[in-house]
Amino acid sequence: MQHESNELIEARAERDFPFQRTGCPLRPPSEYAQLREEQPLAKVRLWDGSEAWIATRWDDVRAILGNPQFSVDPFREGYPSVSAARAVQARSRQAFINMDDPDHARFRRMLTKDFMQKRMSDLRPMVRKLIDELIDKMIEHGPPLDFVTHFSQPLPSMVISALLGVPYEDHTKLGTWSSTRNDHTASPEVVQEAVRNMEVHLGEIIARKEENPGDGNDMLSRLVVEQIRPGHASREEVVRIASLLYSAGHGTTSSQIGLGTLSMLMNPSQRAELEADPSLLSGAVEEMLRFHTIAHLNSARVATADVMIGDQLIRAGEGVYPLILAANRDPEVFPEPDTFNIHRKPQEHMAFAYGIHQCLGQPLARLELHAIFSTLFKRLPDLRLAVPVESLTYNGTSQVYRLESLPVTW
């Protein structure tokens, strides 16, 4: 029986991965649903001719993400990459998200206090102030305008800059380098240059903080005082942490803000319900996270031992993609998964991944989303799309799926 299954898997391995979204751009590639029904663990062919498994069921994705026998270390033999650029990206950012325990746990502990509830409470007034100021500027500019340019990009840049202690004036070059290093279509040389430029720039900022950390209230100053000076971490390690956190805090949240706003604009009745009943806000934010699952290709693993997932044996050294986007559209867990529904009963979506590598910054992302969607439509009650929804364009070549622009009026 297993032999017949393996023959079927070899036939499936002729599929090239990643798949493309050929239908509705807000839905996953159609192959995800097909494979979930026919072969929830399937082999695919990658850009370099190598093969990897993809998992599309919620149960299997969760099992893989929660199993320490699947490594995130890109230097292990068999670790998969969706492009040449991604291979360079993974190996150039040996920060803690690409480490297994115990190294991963050591670095994660350094940062935990910066994302605890008290720190989020301290940040909330600043975030609300920034939101109001950006909306003021939108009103001053007047409609129409690009919501991405005027709101969803600058807000998370301002927030992560303040959290890290990086000058906001640097956001243009830092944002450009961050986008380039996460672009799967960029050449390896261009990616390496972006990584180098970003780390050199952040290294200079950290060096200045080593000379004068000030009151130590921002994250990088704290890491200088608590980690670099006592010798618990090197400057290079803190630079890599800063580079990772800036990229994650800027790009992912910006994308989620844009796509979340689009979802509310496309569902006016649910928007009206949310405005009438603020108790729906938490469910609305969680549905935005589940529905879009923006980190659509960011979960590569490699097996370090033979592991059974369901009825399928994954052998040591084989690469695996537990597809979080596919899992969050599994109808066994989320009825009518392709419908955006802010009334959906609480479910364990994995938009922030699962297990020891789940997103450390998720409290900050939720803080920003809650603050935005409790304010935006009150300040701009007539906010609406300025173009047909069919004309919107998206970027699917990055690790983070996002809108290119979002023209709005009011």
Protein backbone atom coordinates (compact mmCIF):
# COMPACT_ATOMS: atom_id res chain seq x y z
CA MET A 1 0.00 0.00 0.00
CA GLN A 2 2.83 2.36 0.92
CA HIS A 3 4.56 1.50 -2.38
CA GLU A 4 1.48 2.54 -4.36
CA SER A 5 1.27 5.76 -2.35
CA ASN A 6 4.90 6.57 -3.12
CA GLU A 7 4.30 6.05 -6.85
CA LEU A 8 1.45 8.55 -6.68
CA ILE A 9 3.67 10.98 -4.81
CA GLU A 10 6.36 10.74 -7.49
CA ALA A 11 3.76 11.69 -10.09
CA ARG A 12 2.70 14.67 -7.99
CA ALA A 13 6.32 15.78 -7.73
CA GLU A 14 6.07 17.02 -11.31
CA ARG A 15 4.11 20.02 -10.04
CA ASP A 16 6.22 23.16 -9.91
CA PHE A 17 6.09 25.14 -6.67
CA PRO A 18 5.20 27.80 -5.66
CA PHE A 19 1.79 27.85 -7.30
CA GLN A 20 0.23 31.01 -8.69
CA ARG A 21 -3.07 32.66 -7.77
CA THR A 22 -4.89 32.44 -11.09
CA GLY A 23 -8.39 33.24 -9.87
CA CYS A 24 -9.46 35.68 -7.18
CA PRO A 25 -6.29 37.35 -5.85
CA LEU A 26 -7.65 37.14 -2.30
CA ARG A 27 -7.89 33.35 -2.48
CA PRO A 28 -5.00 30.89 -2.23
CA PRO A 29 -3.83 29.04 -5.33
CA SER A 30 -6.51 26.55 -6.38
CA GLU A 31 -4.04 23.67 -6.06
CA TYR A 32 -4.16 24.00 -2.27
CA ALA A 33 -7.81 22.95 -2.02
CA GLN A 34 -7.34 20.22 -4.64
CA LEU A 35 -4.36 18.70 -2.86
CA ARG A 36 -6.01 19.01 0.54
CA GLU A 37 -8.75 16.72 -0.77
CA GLU A 38 -6.67 14.35 -2.89
CA GLN A 39 -3.22 14.28 -1.32
CA PRO A 40 -2.74 16.51 1.71
CA LEU A 41 0.96 15.70 1.84
CA ALA A 42 2.40 15.93 -1.64
CA LYS A 43 5.79 16.36 -3.25
CA VAL A 44 6.52 19.33 -5.51
CA ARG A 45 9.43 20.41 -7.66
CA LEU A 46 11.33 23.58 -6.74
CA TRP A 47 13.20 26.09 -8.89
CA ASP A 48 16.51 24.16 -8.77
CA GLY A 49 14.99 20.77 -9.59
CA SER A 50 14.98 19.59 -6.00
CA GLU A 51 11.81 18.29 -4.37
CA ALA A 52 10.02 19.09 -1.14
CA TRP A 53 6.81 18.12 0.58
CA ILE A 54 3.92 20.52 0.98
CA ALA A 55 1.26 20.09 3.66
CA THR A 56 -2.18 21.63 3.10
CA ARG A 57 -4.35 20.30 5.96
CA TRP A 58 -4.63 22.20 9.24
CA ASP A 59 -3.85 19.10 11.33
CA ASP A 60 -0.71 18.26 9.35
CA VAL A 61 0.57 21.84 9.23
CA ARG A 62 0.15 22.19 12.98
CA ALA A 63 1.84 18.83 13.59
CA ILE A 64 4.88 19.84 11.52
CA LEU A 65 5.21 23.32 13.02
CA GLY A 66 4.97 21.88 16.53
CA ASN A 67 7.49 19.07 16.02
CA PRO A 68 11.14 19.88 16.91
CA GLN A 69 12.27 17.15 14.51
CA PHE A 70 11.56 19.63 11.73
CA SER A 71 14.37 22.18 11.62
CA VAL A 72 14.32 25.82 10.49
CA ASP A 73 18.10 25.90 9.98
CA PRO A 74 18.76 26.89 6.33
CA PHE A 75 22.27 25.44 6.48
CA ARG A 76 20.97 21.89 6.96
CA GLU A 77 21.10 19.60 3.96
CA GLY A 78 17.69 19.43 2.31
CA TYR A 79 16.34 22.77 3.55
CA PRO A 80 14.03 23.98 0.74
CA SER A 81 13.89 27.36 -0.97
CA VAL A 82 11.29 28.67 -3.42
CA SER A 83 13.87 30.66 -5.42
CA ALA A 84 17.58 31.41 -5.69
CA ALA A 85 16.94 34.74 -3.97
CA ARG A 86 15.17 33.04 -1.07
CA ALA A 87 18.10 30.66 -0.62
CA VAL A 88 20.40 33.67 -0.22
CA GLN A 89 17.92 35.44 2.06
CA ALA A 90 17.61 32.49 4.41
CA ARG A 91 21.35 32.01 4.72
CA SER A 92 22.14 35.70 5.07
CA ARG A 93 19.93 36.34 8.06
CA GLN A 94 20.96 33.78 10.63
CA ALA A 95 18.82 35.50 13.22
CA PHE A 96 16.84 33.53 15.74
CA ILE A 97 13.91 32.72 13.43
CA ASN A 98 16.32 30.54 11.43
CA MET A 99 17.73 28.80 14.49
CA ASP A 100 16.64 25.70 16.36
CA ASP A 101 16.67 25.44 20.14
CA PRO A 102 18.64 26.03 22.29
CA ASP A 103 20.05 28.96 20.27
CA HIS A 104 16.59 30.09 19.22
CA ALA A 105 15.36 30.15 22.82
CA ARG A 106 18.40 32.14 23.98
CA PHE A 107 17.76 34.96 21.52
CA ARG A 108 14.01 34.89 21.95
CA ARG A 109 14.40 35.37 25.70
CA MET A 110 16.39 38.55 25.03
CA LEU A 111 13.36 40.11 23.34
CA THR A 112 10.39 38.75 25.25
CA LYS A 113 9.97 41.72 27.59
CA ASP A 114 9.64 44.11 24.63
CA PHE A 115 6.44 42.37 23.52
CA MET A 116 4.82 41.73 26.90
CA GLN A 117 1.47 43.23 27.83
CA LYS A 118 2.96 46.06 29.90
CA ARG A 119 5.12 47.23 27.00
CA MET A 120 2.13 47.07 24.66
CA SER A 121 0.09 49.14 27.11
CA ASP A 122 2.87 51.71 27.22
CA LEU A 123 2.92 51.89 23.41
CA ARG A 124 -0.85 52.16 22.92
CA PRO A 125 -1.17 55.96 23.39
CA MET A 126 1.67 56.58 20.92
CA VAL A 127 0.10 54.25 18.34
CA ARG A 128 -3.29 55.96 18.67
CA LYS A 129 -1.66 59.38 18.34
CA LEU A 130 0.18 58.32 15.18
CA ILE A 131 -3.04 56.95 13.68
CA ASP A 132 -4.87 60.20 14.31
CA GLU A 133 -2.02 62.24 12.87
CA LEU A 134 -1.92 60.15 9.70
CA ILE A 135 -5.69 60.44 9.26
CA ASP A 136 -5.38 64.21 9.80
CA LYS A 137 -2.82 64.32 6.98
CA MET A 138 -5.10 62.25 4.74
CA ILE A 139 -7.95 64.70 5.34
CA GLU A 140 -5.63 67.64 4.70
CA HIS A 141 -4.43 66.04 1.45
CA GLY A 142 -7.98 65.33 0.36
CA PRO A 143 -9.34 62.48 -1.75
CA PRO A 144 -8.52 60.48 -3.73
CA LEU A 145 -5.25 59.08 -2.42
CA ASP A 146 -3.34 55.84 -2.10
CA PHE A 147 -4.08 54.37 1.32
CA VAL A 148 -0.92 52.25 1.18
CA THR A 149 1.33 55.28 0.66
CA HIS A 150 -0.47 57.58 3.08
CA PHE A 151 -1.34 55.18 5.89
CA SER A 152 -0.58 51.46 5.83
CA GLN A 153 3.12 51.90 5.01
CA PRO A 154 4.06 54.83 7.27
CA LEU A 155 2.25 53.72 10.42
CA PRO A 156 4.13 50.45 11.09
CA SER A 157 7.40 52.13 10.06
CA MET A 158 6.82 54.79 12.70
CA VAL A 159 5.90 52.23 15.34
CA ILE A 160 8.79 49.82 14.75
CA SER A 161 11.25 52.74 14.49
CA ALA A 162 10.12 54.01 17.89
CA LEU A 163 10.22 50.52 19.43
CA LEU A 164 13.74 49.80 18.15
CA GLY A 165 15.10 53.32 18.59
CA VAL A 166 15.84 53.82 14.89
CA PRO A 167 15.39 57.31 13.36
CA TYR A 168 12.14 57.41 11.37
CA GLU A 169 13.93 59.55 8.76
CA ASP A 170 15.73 56.35 7.73
CA HIS A 171 12.47 54.60 6.81
CA THR A 172 12.77 55.05 3.04
CA LYS A 173 16.13 53.34 2.66
CA LEU A 174 15.43 50.76 5.35
CA GLY A 175 12.09 49.97 3.74
CA THR A 176 13.69 49.62 0.30
CA TRP A 177 16.40 47.30 1.57
CA SER A 178 13.84 45.29 3.51
CA SER A 179 11.59 44.87 0.46
CA THR A 180 14.52 43.87 -1.75
CA ARG A 181 15.84 41.25 0.63
CA ASN A 182 12.37 39.66 0.79
CA ASP A 183 11.74 39.67 -2.98
CA HIS A 184 11.87 36.14 -4.40
CA THR A 185 12.45 37.45 -7.92
CA ALA A 186 15.51 39.57 -7.10
CA SER A 187 18.93 38.29 -8.11
CA PRO A 188 21.07 36.78 -5.36
CA GLU A 189 23.60 39.59 -5.85
CA VAL A 190 20.96 42.29 -5.37
CA VAL A 191 19.65 40.52 -2.27
CA GLN A 192 23.14 40.25 -0.79
CA GLU A 193 23.74 43.96 -1.40
CA ALA A 194 20.45 44.90 0.29
CA VAL A 195 21.26 42.69 3.28
CA ARG A 196 24.74 44.17 3.55
CA ASN A 197 23.53 47.78 3.26
CA MET A 198 20.81 47.28 5.85
CA GLU A 199 23.12 45.61 8.35
CA VAL A 200 25.87 48.21 7.89
CA HIS A 201 23.39 51.02 8.49
CA LEU A 202 21.85 49.39 11.56
CA GLY A 203 25.33 48.53 12.82
CA GLU A 204 26.24 52.21 12.76
CA ILE A 205 23.11 53.06 14.77
CA ILE A 206 23.93 50.37 17.34
CA ALA A 207 27.56 51.53 17.56
CA ARG A 208 26.33 55.02 18.44
CA LYS A 209 24.09 53.54 21.11
CA GLU A 210 27.07 51.67 22.54
CA GLU A 211 28.72 55.05 23.06
CA ASN A 212 25.57 56.62 24.46
CA PRO A 213 22.52 54.42 25.10
CA GLY A 214 20.62 57.33 26.61
CA ASP A 215 17.84 56.32 28.97
CA GLY A 216 17.75 52.81 27.49
CA ASN A 217 14.02 52.96 26.80
CA ASP A 218 14.19 51.70 23.21
CA MET A 219 14.91 48.07 22.38
CA LEU A 220 18.33 48.51 20.78
CA SER A 221 19.61 50.67 23.65
CA ARG A 222 18.37 48.05 26.09
CA LEU A 223 20.11 45.28 24.16
CA VAL A 224 23.33 47.30 24.20
CA VAL A 225 23.17 47.70 27.98
CA GLU A 226 21.86 44.24 28.88
CA GLN A 227 23.39 42.03 26.18
CA ILE A 228 26.33 43.58 24.32
CA ARG A 229 28.14 45.25 27.23
CA PRO A 230 28.07 42.16 29.52
CA GLY A 231 29.14 39.96 26.60
CA HIS A 232 25.92 37.96 26.34
CA ALA A 233 25.54 38.89 22.66
CA SER A 234 27.79 40.40 20.00
CA ARG A 235 27.07 43.57 18.08
CA GLU A 236 26.70 41.44 14.92
CA GLU A 237 24.01 39.34 16.59
CA VAL A 238 22.09 42.42 17.71
CA VAL A 239 22.40 43.89 14.21
CA ARG A 240 20.79 40.76 12.78
CA ILE A 241 18.03 40.94 15.37
CA ALA A 242 17.41 44.59 14.47
CA SER A 243 17.35 43.82 10.75
CA LEU A 244 14.87 41.00 11.25
CA LEU A 245 12.58 42.96 13.55
CA TYR A 246 12.53 46.03 11.31
CA SER A 247 11.67 43.96 8.24
CA ALA A 248 9.01 41.97 10.08
CA GLY A 249 7.54 44.91 11.94
CA HIS A 250 7.31 47.05 8.85
CA GLY A 251 6.41 44.82 5.91
CA THR A 252 4.01 42.35 7.49
CA THR A 253 1.94 44.85 9.43
CA SER A 254 1.77 47.23 6.48
CA SER A 255 0.41 44.44 4.31
CA GLN A 256 -2.11 43.35 6.93
CA ILE A 257 -3.39 46.91 7.38
CA GLY A 258 -3.92 47.35 3.65
CA LEU A 259 -5.60 44.00 3.08
CA GLY A 260 -7.65 44.29 6.27
CA THR A 261 -8.94 47.69 5.18
CA LEU A 262 -9.79 46.29 1.76
CA SER A 263 -11.79 43.48 3.37
CA MET A 264 -13.87 45.96 5.33
CA LEU A 265 -14.42 48.11 2.23
CA MET A 266 -15.56 45.03 0.30
CA ASN A 267 -17.97 43.99 3.06
CA PRO A 268 -19.96 47.14 3.94
CA SER A 269 -22.62 45.31 5.95
CA GLN A 270 -19.98 43.78 8.25
CA ARG A 271 -18.28 47.16 8.48
CA ALA A 272 -21.58 48.71 9.60
CA GLU A 273 -22.02 45.97 12.20
CA LEU A 274 -18.52 46.60 13.52
CA GLU A 275 -19.14 50.33 13.77
CA ALA A 276 -22.38 49.68 15.66
CA ASP A 277 -20.92 47.05 17.99
CA PRO A 278 -17.27 47.53 19.06
CA SER A 279 -17.34 44.13 20.79
CA LEU A 280 -16.95 42.63 17.30
CA LEU A 281 -13.52 44.23 16.86
CA SER A 282 -11.44 41.34 18.20
CA GLY A 283 -13.23 38.83 15.96
CA ALA A 284 -12.83 41.16 12.97
CA VAL A 285 -9.08 41.47 13.52
CA GLU A 286 -8.65 37.70 13.91
CA GLU A 287 -10.65 37.11 10.74
CA MET A 288 -8.44 39.56 8.84
CA LEU A 289 -5.40 37.65 10.06
CA ARG A 290 -6.86 34.24 9.13
CA PHE A 291 -8.37 35.25 5.82
CA HIS A 292 -5.25 36.90 4.40
CA THR A 293 -2.45 34.91 6.11
CA ILE A 294 0.05 37.25 4.50
CA ALA A 295 3.22 35.25 5.31
CA HIS A 296 2.23 32.85 2.56
CA LEU A 297 5.62 31.24 1.80
CA ASN A 298 7.52 31.66 5.04
CA SER A 299 7.43 28.27 6.75
CA ALA A 300 10.21 26.12 5.27
CA ARG A 301 11.41 23.16 7.34
CA VAL A 302 13.68 20.15 6.88
CA ALA A 303 13.21 16.83 8.68
CA THR A 304 16.08 15.85 10.98
CA ALA A 305 14.72 12.33 11.48
CA ASP A 306 12.16 10.04 9.87
CA VAL A 307 8.76 11.37 10.94
CA MET A 308 5.25 10.11 10.31
CA ILE A 309 2.76 12.87 9.56
CA GLY A 310 -0.64 11.28 9.28
CA ASP A 311 -0.14 8.22 7.11
CA GLN A 312 2.90 9.59 5.30
CA LEU A 313 6.54 9.01 6.17
CA ILE A 314 8.78 12.05 5.73
CA ARG A 315 12.40 10.97 5.74
CA ALA A 316 15.33 12.70 7.39
CA GLY A 317 16.81 15.31 5.05
CA GLU A 318 13.59 15.96 3.15
CA GLY A 319 12.34 19.54 2.90
CA VAL A 320 8.79 20.45 3.90
CA TYR A 321 6.50 23.45 3.48
CA PRO A 322 3.70 23.39 6.07
CA LEU A 323 1.47 25.84 4.18
CA ILE A 324 -0.11 28.12 6.75
CA LEU A 325 -2.25 29.84 4.13
CA ALA A 326 -3.71 26.49 3.07
CA ALA A 327 -4.27 25.43 6.69
CA ASN A 328 -6.17 28.62 7.45
CA ARG A 329 -8.58 27.80 4.61
CA ASP A 330 -9.18 24.20 5.71
CA PRO A 331 -12.98 23.70 5.71
CA GLU A 332 -12.68 21.01 8.39
CA VAL A 333 -11.63 23.76 10.81
CA PHE A 334 -13.09 26.90 9.23
CA PRO A 335 -16.55 26.39 7.66
CA GLU A 336 -16.92 28.30 4.39
CA PRO A 337 -13.24 29.23 4.63
CA ASP A 338 -13.21 31.50 1.57
CA THR A 339 -15.88 33.76 3.08
CA PHE A 340 -14.73 36.75 5.12
CA ASN A 341 -16.83 36.63 8.28
CA ILE A 342 -16.15 38.76 11.36
CA HIS A 343 -18.71 36.66 13.29
CA ARG A 344 -16.66 33.50 12.88
CA LYS A 345 -16.39 31.61 16.15
CA PRO A 346 -12.93 31.76 17.70
CA GLN A 347 -10.68 29.25 16.01
CA GLU A 348 -7.00 28.53 16.21
CA HIS A 349 -5.79 30.12 13.02
CA MET A 350 -2.05 30.01 12.41
CA ALA A 351 -1.49 33.38 10.75
CA PHE A 352 1.39 33.91 13.20
CA ALA A 353 2.56 30.31 12.73
CA TYR A 354 2.60 27.81 15.60
CA GLY A 355 5.03 26.25 18.02
CA ILE A 356 8.27 27.71 19.30
CA HIS A 357 8.77 29.83 16.17
CA GLN A 358 5.40 31.54 16.19
CA CYS A 359 5.68 35.28 15.62
CA LEU A 360 7.17 37.06 18.62
CA GLY A 361 5.73 40.39 17.48
CA GLN A 362 2.09 39.31 17.27
CA PRO A 363 1.05 41.41 20.30
CA LEU A 364 2.34 44.52 18.52
CA ALA A 365 0.56 43.62 15.28
CA ARG A 366 -2.70 43.07 17.13
CA LEU A 367 -2.24 46.34 19.03
CA GLU A 368 -1.87 48.26 15.77
CA LEU A 369 -4.79 46.52 14.06
CA HIS A 370 -7.13 47.02 17.02
CA ALA A 371 -6.20 50.69 17.26
CA ILE A 372 -6.67 51.25 13.52
CA PHE A 373 -10.03 49.56 13.12
CA SER A 374 -11.48 51.16 16.23
CA THR A 375 -10.67 54.60 14.74
CA LEU A 376 -10.40 54.60 10.94
CA PHE A 377 -14.06 54.38 9.96
CA LYS A 378 -15.16 56.70 12.75
CA ARG A 379 -12.86 59.38 11.41
CA LEU A 380 -13.61 58.61 7.76
CA PRO A 381 -17.15 57.18 7.71
CA ASP A 382 -17.45 57.56 3.93
CA LEU A 383 -14.15 55.87 3.12
CA ARG A 384 -14.50 53.72 0.00
CA LEU A 385 -12.58 52.41 -2.98
CA ALA A 386 -11.76 54.98 -5.65
CA VAL A 387 -11.34 52.32 -8.36
CA PRO A 388 -13.08 49.04 -9.23
CA VAL A 389 -11.85 46.26 -6.96
CA GLU A 390 -10.93 44.22 -10.05
CA SER A 391 -8.30 46.80 -11.00
CA LEU A 392 -6.30 46.43 -7.77
CA THR A 393 -2.86 44.87 -8.12
CA TYR A 394 -1.02 42.65 -5.67
CA ASN A 395 2.55 41.56 -5.03
CA GLY A 396 2.93 37.82 -4.62
CA THR A 397 6.69 37.62 -5.28
CA SER A 398 7.66 38.52 -1.72
CA GLN A 399 7.50 36.45 1.43
CA VAL A 400 4.60 38.71 2.41
CA TYR A 401 1.55 38.95 0.13
CA ARG A 402 0.45 42.57 -0.23
CA LEU A 403 -1.44 45.19 -2.16
CA GLU A 404 0.66 47.35 -4.46
CA SER A 405 -1.70 50.26 -3.85
CA LEU A 406 -5.17 50.94 -2.48
CA PRO A 407 -6.79 54.03 -4.07
CA VAL A 408 -9.52 55.37 -1.78
CA THR A 409 -11.85 58.33 -1.59
CA TRP A 410 -14.48 59.64 0.81
